[in-house]
Amino acid sequence: MKRRISAALAVCLFALSVAANAQSWKIPYGSEKGKVAVYNSKTDPKFAEDAPYGPMAFRVYNENLWVLDSIGGRIYGFDQKNELKTDVTVSGLEGFKLLEDFALVAGASGRPESAWVADAASCDIRKISLVDGKELLRIGGRGSEPGKFLQINQLEVDAGGRLYVGDYGRTVISVFTAYGELVREIPWQRTGFAVDRKGQLHLLVWREKGGYFHRVYSARGQLLKSLHVGLADLQNARVWGVTANDSLLVSFVPAGGFKGSLQLFEITEAARIDRRLSFVPPASMNRFVADAGQKVFIAEADFATAPDGDFAVKNMEWEVKK
């Protein structure tokens, strides 16, 4: 005789299953190994910045967490159990440290073997071995000419090893080979960008009469598509990723202005919003959203009250369609 499970028990089991599958990490603040450093009035009596600083970026790769310890000058890798597996110090940093962003480079094994790291102070980008911390390559430096940077905001790497650098200061995306040679520059409106599995570059362009347009460039720099998205009443667009079906993950300041939260949308090629969620972004952090396949992770941090609390990364649930 087959046993029947009551509806209430089925719901309970489903909820437990969802909770068990929800991935999250917590990392304490501090300067010791396995902790992330912060710079604020509590950690330094000479603090005179407009805002406190801590980890500026994180990524989730193959279910593992990678964190840029920006003030400590380190790259951390944690497994699913929150255990520290990689601890690499970026050498040669002078004075006040502030690493802005990083991009992982996978090897033949499919695991990250090196990382490009952007130094906000010197405006250069270093390629660092994740095995021994050795510096493999360095490009850029401060300047307004091609191949130089004024304010590095975002780094991405495609499957072919090409490096994409979003420069807020020069409002361009600079594309380099895996060996650091400048290939091209593409005009950019500081709207974030993403590179898909085909090596295609995705970004948003704002036009006053039409709102946003989703532009797609080939790996050779050719404009392949310009798709009208609209959403003219939303502000401060930032692209975070591209899904397997070529939908964009984009955050916006809601209509009416910023009131403590942002909206994250999954926007299809037909400009339809498939899924959405609202979240509170951490102040003074650069990369605070990570696209990881079917999951979206968001950082939770309060650098002003640190070292109280923890730096946390949590899997966010999309809002249920009504």
Protein backbone atom coordinates (compact mmCIF):
# COMPACT_ATOMS: atom_id res chain seq x y z
CA MET A 1 0.00 0.00 0.00
CA LYS A 2 1.40 3.41 -1.04
CA ARG A 3 1.77 6.02 1.63
CA ARG A 4 0.33 9.46 1.03
CA ILE A 5 1.99 12.65 2.18
CA SER A 6 -0.38 15.35 3.41
CA ALA A 7 -0.37 18.71 1.65
CA ALA A 8 0.89 20.45 4.79
CA LEU A 9 3.78 18.01 5.14
CA ALA A 10 4.62 18.38 1.45
CA VAL A 11 4.82 22.16 1.81
CA CYS A 12 7.01 21.76 4.90
CA LEU A 13 9.36 19.39 3.09
CA PHE A 14 9.57 21.76 0.12
CA ALA A 15 10.41 24.68 2.40
CA LEU A 16 13.13 22.62 4.07
CA SER A 17 14.50 21.67 0.66
CA VAL A 18 14.63 25.32 -0.45
CA ALA A 19 16.34 26.32 2.81
CA ALA A 20 18.87 23.53 2.43
CA ASN A 21 19.68 24.66 -1.14
CA ALA A 22 20.07 28.33 -0.20
CA GLN A 23 23.78 29.12 -0.15
CA SER A 24 25.31 31.87 1.96
CA TRP A 25 28.65 32.90 3.45
CA LYS A 26 29.70 35.03 6.41
CA ILE A 27 33.21 36.45 6.83
CA PRO A 28 34.25 38.38 9.96
CA TYR A 29 35.95 41.76 9.74
CA GLY A 30 39.57 42.10 10.76
CA SER A 31 43.15 42.05 9.51
CA GLU A 32 43.89 38.41 10.38
CA LYS A 33 43.92 35.58 7.86
CA GLY A 34 40.44 34.66 6.69
CA LYS A 35 38.98 38.03 7.72
CA VAL A 36 38.27 41.09 5.56
CA ALA A 37 39.70 44.47 6.43
CA VAL A 38 37.74 47.73 6.70
CA TYR A 39 38.82 51.36 6.78
CA ASN A 40 36.64 53.61 8.93
CA SER A 41 36.79 55.83 12.03
CA LYS A 42 36.83 52.77 14.28
CA THR A 43 39.82 51.11 12.63
CA ASP A 44 41.86 54.26 12.03
CA PRO A 45 41.64 57.46 14.12
CA LYS A 46 43.01 59.42 11.15
CA PHE A 47 40.10 58.36 8.93
CA ALA A 48 39.10 61.33 6.77
CA GLU A 49 37.33 59.80 3.78
CA ASP A 50 33.79 60.63 2.69
CA ALA A 51 32.75 57.01 3.18
CA PRO A 52 34.17 53.87 4.84
CA TYR A 53 35.66 51.07 2.73
CA GLY A 54 35.79 47.29 2.90
CA PRO A 55 35.66 44.49 0.33
CA MET A 56 34.80 46.17 -2.98
CA ALA A 57 33.88 43.06 -4.97
CA PHE A 58 32.96 39.39 -4.80
CA ARG A 59 32.19 36.60 -7.25
CA VAL A 60 30.56 33.18 -7.06
CA TYR A 61 32.25 30.61 -9.31
CA ASN A 62 31.24 26.94 -9.41
CA GLU A 63 29.41 27.28 -6.08
CA ASN A 64 32.50 28.77 -4.39
CA LEU A 65 32.88 32.32 -3.10
CA TRP A 66 35.73 34.61 -4.13
CA VAL A 67 36.21 37.88 -2.25
CA LEU A 68 38.45 40.85 -2.97
CA ASP A 69 39.81 41.99 0.41
CA SER A 70 40.36 45.48 -0.98
CA ILE A 71 41.88 47.16 2.09
CA GLY A 72 43.89 44.08 3.07
CA GLY A 73 45.27 43.63 -0.46
CA ARG A 74 44.23 39.98 -0.74
CA ILE A 75 42.09 37.59 -2.75
CA TYR A 76 40.18 34.93 -0.82
CA GLY A 77 38.50 31.76 -2.03
CA PHE A 78 35.93 29.98 0.18
CA ASP A 79 34.19 26.67 -0.45
CA GLN A 80 30.49 25.96 0.09
CA LYS A 81 31.12 25.26 3.79
CA ASN A 82 32.64 28.72 4.33
CA GLU A 83 36.12 27.20 4.67
CA LEU A 84 39.05 29.26 3.38
CA LYS A 85 40.75 27.45 0.47
CA THR A 86 42.69 30.25 -1.26
CA ASP A 87 44.56 33.13 0.35
CA VAL A 88 46.67 35.23 -2.02
CA THR A 89 48.33 38.54 -1.19
CA VAL A 90 48.71 41.07 -4.01
CA SER A 91 52.34 42.15 -3.72
CA GLY A 92 53.84 45.56 -4.48
CA LEU A 93 50.92 47.67 -3.22
CA GLU A 94 52.16 50.93 -1.73
CA GLY A 95 50.53 53.28 0.77
CA PHE A 96 46.75 53.15 1.20
CA LYS A 97 45.39 49.99 -0.43
CA LEU A 98 42.11 49.97 -2.34
CA LEU A 99 41.59 47.16 -4.84
CA GLU A 100 38.56 48.15 -6.95
CA ASP A 101 37.55 44.98 -8.81
CA PHE A 102 38.83 41.60 -9.97
CA ALA A 103 38.10 39.02 -12.65
CA LEU A 104 38.88 35.32 -12.42
CA VAL A 105 40.70 33.49 -15.23
CA ALA A 106 40.00 29.77 -15.49
CA GLY A 107 42.64 27.28 -16.63
CA ALA A 108 42.30 24.09 -18.66
CA SER A 109 40.82 22.37 -15.61
CA GLY A 110 37.95 24.84 -15.50
CA ARG A 111 39.07 26.13 -12.10
CA PRO A 112 40.31 29.69 -11.54
CA GLU A 113 44.10 29.75 -11.84
CA SER A 114 44.76 33.50 -11.99
CA ALA A 115 42.97 36.80 -11.53
CA TRP A 116 43.13 40.31 -12.96
CA VAL A 117 43.06 42.87 -10.12
CA ALA A 118 42.47 46.63 -10.46
CA ASP A 119 44.40 48.97 -8.14
CA ALA A 120 42.41 52.18 -7.60
CA ALA A 121 45.44 54.13 -6.38
CA SER A 122 47.80 53.52 -9.32
CA CYS A 123 45.09 52.79 -11.94
CA ASP A 124 46.96 49.71 -13.10
CA ILE A 125 45.70 46.15 -13.49
CA ARG A 126 47.76 43.16 -12.41
CA LYS A 127 47.39 39.53 -13.37
CA ILE A 128 48.05 37.44 -10.25
CA SER A 129 48.59 33.69 -9.92
CA LEU A 130 46.05 32.17 -7.52
CA VAL A 131 48.51 29.35 -6.82
CA ASP A 132 51.45 31.30 -5.39
CA GLY A 133 50.48 34.98 -5.66
CA LYS A 134 53.13 35.70 -8.28
CA GLU A 135 52.50 38.73 -10.49
CA LEU A 136 52.26 37.50 -14.07
CA LEU A 137 51.53 40.72 -15.93
CA ARG A 138 50.76 44.40 -15.37
CA ILE A 139 48.99 46.83 -17.69
CA GLY A 140 47.58 50.35 -17.67
CA GLY A 141 48.51 53.09 -15.28
CA ARG A 142 46.98 56.53 -14.85
CA GLY A 143 46.36 58.50 -18.05
CA SER A 144 43.77 59.60 -20.58
CA GLU A 145 45.31 57.93 -23.66
CA PRO A 146 44.21 54.50 -24.99
CA GLY A 147 45.39 51.67 -22.76
CA LYS A 148 45.50 53.92 -19.68
CA PHE A 149 42.82 54.51 -17.04
CA LEU A 150 41.37 57.30 -14.94
CA GLN A 151 38.86 55.44 -12.75
CA ILE A 152 38.62 51.68 -13.17
CA ASN A 153 35.18 50.39 -12.22
CA GLN A 154 34.68 46.93 -13.73
CA LEU A 155 36.72 43.98 -15.01
CA GLU A 156 35.45 40.99 -17.00
CA VAL A 157 37.16 38.10 -18.79
CA ASP A 158 35.65 36.07 -21.65
CA ALA A 159 36.17 32.39 -22.45
CA GLY A 160 39.02 33.27 -24.81
CA GLY A 161 40.92 35.07 -22.06
CA ARG A 162 40.29 38.62 -23.32
CA LEU A 163 40.10 41.27 -20.60
CA TYR A 164 37.39 43.96 -20.63
CA VAL A 165 37.93 47.08 -18.50
CA GLY A 166 35.18 49.60 -17.77
CA ASP A 167 36.72 53.02 -17.06
CA TYR A 168 34.37 55.53 -15.41
CA GLY A 169 36.84 58.35 -15.95
CA ARG A 170 37.31 57.90 -19.70
CA THR A 171 33.78 56.42 -20.24
CA VAL A 172 35.09 53.56 -22.40
CA ILE A 173 35.37 49.79 -22.25
CA SER A 174 38.94 48.83 -23.14
CA VAL A 175 39.50 45.34 -24.55
CA PHE A 176 42.85 43.58 -24.12
CA THR A 177 44.21 40.21 -25.22
CA ALA A 178 45.09 37.62 -22.57
CA TYR A 179 48.66 38.94 -22.89
CA GLY A 180 47.74 42.55 -22.11
CA GLU A 181 47.73 44.01 -25.64
CA LEU A 182 45.09 46.67 -26.30
CA VAL A 183 42.66 45.56 -29.01
CA ARG A 184 39.97 48.26 -29.08
CA GLU A 185 37.92 50.69 -27.04
CA ILE A 186 34.12 50.98 -27.05
CA PRO A 187 32.15 54.06 -25.87
CA TRP A 188 30.39 53.41 -22.58
CA GLN A 189 27.81 55.23 -20.46
CA ARG A 190 28.82 53.67 -17.11
CA THR A 191 25.89 51.26 -17.26
CA GLY A 192 27.87 48.12 -16.42
CA PHE A 193 28.41 45.36 -18.96
CA ALA A 194 28.66 41.59 -19.28
CA VAL A 195 30.34 39.06 -21.54
CA ASP A 196 28.40 35.91 -22.48
CA ARG A 197 29.66 32.40 -23.22
CA LYS A 198 30.07 33.26 -26.92
CA GLY A 199 32.44 36.12 -26.10
CA GLN A 200 29.80 38.72 -26.98
CA LEU A 201 29.74 41.99 -25.07
CA HIS A 202 26.41 43.23 -23.70
CA LEU A 203 25.75 46.77 -22.47
CA LEU A 204 22.99 49.36 -22.21
CA VAL A 205 22.86 52.73 -23.96
CA TRP A 206 20.51 55.53 -22.89
CA ARG A 207 18.70 57.73 -25.41
CA GLU A 208 16.53 60.59 -24.16
CA LYS A 209 13.66 59.91 -26.57
CA GLY A 210 13.73 56.12 -26.35
CA GLY A 211 15.05 55.10 -22.95
CA TYR A 212 17.49 52.18 -22.84
CA PHE A 213 18.84 50.09 -25.73
CA HIS A 214 20.51 46.69 -25.28
CA ARG A 215 23.59 46.57 -27.51
CA VAL A 216 25.46 43.37 -28.34
CA TYR A 217 28.98 43.38 -29.80
CA SER A 218 30.85 40.42 -31.27
CA ALA A 219 34.25 39.30 -29.95
CA ARG A 220 35.72 41.29 -32.88
CA GLY A 221 33.98 44.48 -31.80
CA GLN A 222 31.20 44.50 -34.42
CA LEU A 223 27.78 45.77 -33.36
CA LEU A 224 25.46 42.77 -33.81
CA LYS A 225 22.21 44.00 -32.25
CA SER A 226 20.62 47.11 -30.82
CA LEU A 227 17.40 46.09 -29.05
CA HIS A 228 14.98 48.64 -27.64
CA VAL A 229 14.37 48.07 -23.93
CA GLY A 230 12.64 51.32 -22.93
CA LEU A 231 12.15 51.67 -19.14
CA ALA A 232 12.78 55.40 -19.48
CA ASP A 233 11.51 56.14 -15.96
CA LEU A 234 14.24 54.03 -14.32
CA GLN A 235 17.65 55.45 -13.45
CA ASN A 236 21.26 54.37 -12.96
CA ALA A 237 21.11 51.14 -14.95
CA ARG A 238 23.85 48.59 -14.30
CA VAL A 239 24.24 45.32 -16.20
CA TRP A 240 25.41 42.44 -13.97
CA GLY A 241 25.23 39.39 -16.21
CA VAL A 242 23.74 37.52 -19.16
CA THR A 243 21.65 34.38 -18.64
CA ALA A 244 21.80 31.25 -20.78
CA ASN A 245 18.83 32.52 -22.84
CA ASP A 246 20.51 35.92 -23.46
CA SER A 247 18.43 37.81 -20.91
CA LEU A 248 20.13 40.67 -19.08
CA LEU A 249 20.39 41.00 -15.32
CA VAL A 250 20.12 44.73 -14.68
CA SER A 251 19.69 46.80 -11.53
CA PHE A 252 17.99 50.20 -11.51
CA VAL A 253 17.17 53.00 -9.14
CA PRO A 254 13.34 52.82 -8.96
CA ALA A 255 11.13 55.46 -10.50
CA GLY A 256 10.95 58.37 -8.10
CA GLY A 257 14.57 58.13 -6.97
CA PHE A 258 16.70 56.13 -4.57
CA LYS A 259 15.02 55.47 -1.22
CA GLY A 260 17.32 52.81 0.18
CA SER A 261 16.72 49.96 -2.26
CA LEU A 262 17.38 48.97 -5.87
CA GLN A 263 15.39 46.82 -8.28
CA LEU A 264 17.01 43.89 -10.09
CA PHE A 265 15.34 42.74 -13.31
CA GLU A 266 15.85 39.83 -15.67
CA ILE A 267 15.07 41.38 -19.07
CA THR A 268 14.55 39.20 -22.15
CA GLU A 269 15.55 40.07 -25.73
CA ALA A 270 11.91 41.00 -26.28
CA ALA A 271 12.29 43.64 -23.53
CA ARG A 272 9.99 41.68 -21.22
CA ILE A 273 10.75 41.61 -17.50
CA ASP A 274 10.71 37.92 -16.63
CA ARG A 275 11.71 38.19 -12.98
CA ARG A 276 12.45 40.88 -10.45
CA LEU A 277 13.50 41.50 -6.87
CA SER A 278 14.21 44.46 -4.61
CA PHE A 279 17.28 44.65 -2.38
CA VAL A 280 19.31 47.04 -0.25
CA PRO A 281 22.77 47.65 -1.75
CA PRO A 282 25.77 47.97 0.56
CA ALA A 283 27.19 51.48 0.59
CA SER A 284 30.71 52.09 -0.74
CA MET A 285 30.89 48.72 -2.50
CA ASN A 286 31.51 48.29 -6.21
CA ARG A 287 30.51 44.74 -7.28
CA PHE A 288 27.71 43.72 -4.92
CA VAL A 289 25.66 41.43 -7.22
CA ALA A 290 26.88 38.13 -8.70
CA ASP A 291 25.18 36.14 -11.46
CA ALA A 292 25.88 32.44 -10.90
CA GLY A 293 23.86 30.40 -13.39
CA GLN A 294 20.33 30.00 -12.04
CA LYS A 295 21.21 31.81 -8.81
CA VAL A 296 21.73 35.45 -7.92
CA PHE A 297 23.91 36.42 -4.96
CA ILE A 298 23.96 39.80 -3.22
CA ALA A 299 26.37 41.17 -0.62
CA GLU A 300 25.19 42.47 2.74
CA ALA A 301 27.65 44.72 4.54
CA ASP A 302 27.81 47.78 6.78
CA PHE A 303 31.34 49.19 6.61
CA ALA A 304 30.43 52.09 8.91
CA THR A 305 29.69 49.87 11.93
CA ALA A 306 32.45 47.32 11.23
CA PRO A 307 34.29 45.57 12.81
CA ASP A 308 30.90 44.79 14.36
CA GLY A 309 28.93 42.27 12.29
CA ASP A 310 30.09 40.29 9.27
CA PHE A 311 30.53 40.63 5.55
CA ALA A 312 27.82 38.35 4.15
CA VAL A 313 26.92 37.00 0.72
CA LYS A 314 23.47 35.48 0.27
CA ASN A 315 21.47 33.72 -2.43
CA MET A 316 18.45 35.90 -3.20
CA GLU A 317 15.05 34.56 -4.19
CA TRP A 318 13.22 36.14 -7.11
CA GLU A 319 9.82 37.60 -6.28
CA VAL A 320 6.88 35.33 -7.08
CA LYS A 321 4.84 36.45 -10.09
CA LYS A 322 1.29 37.41 -9.28
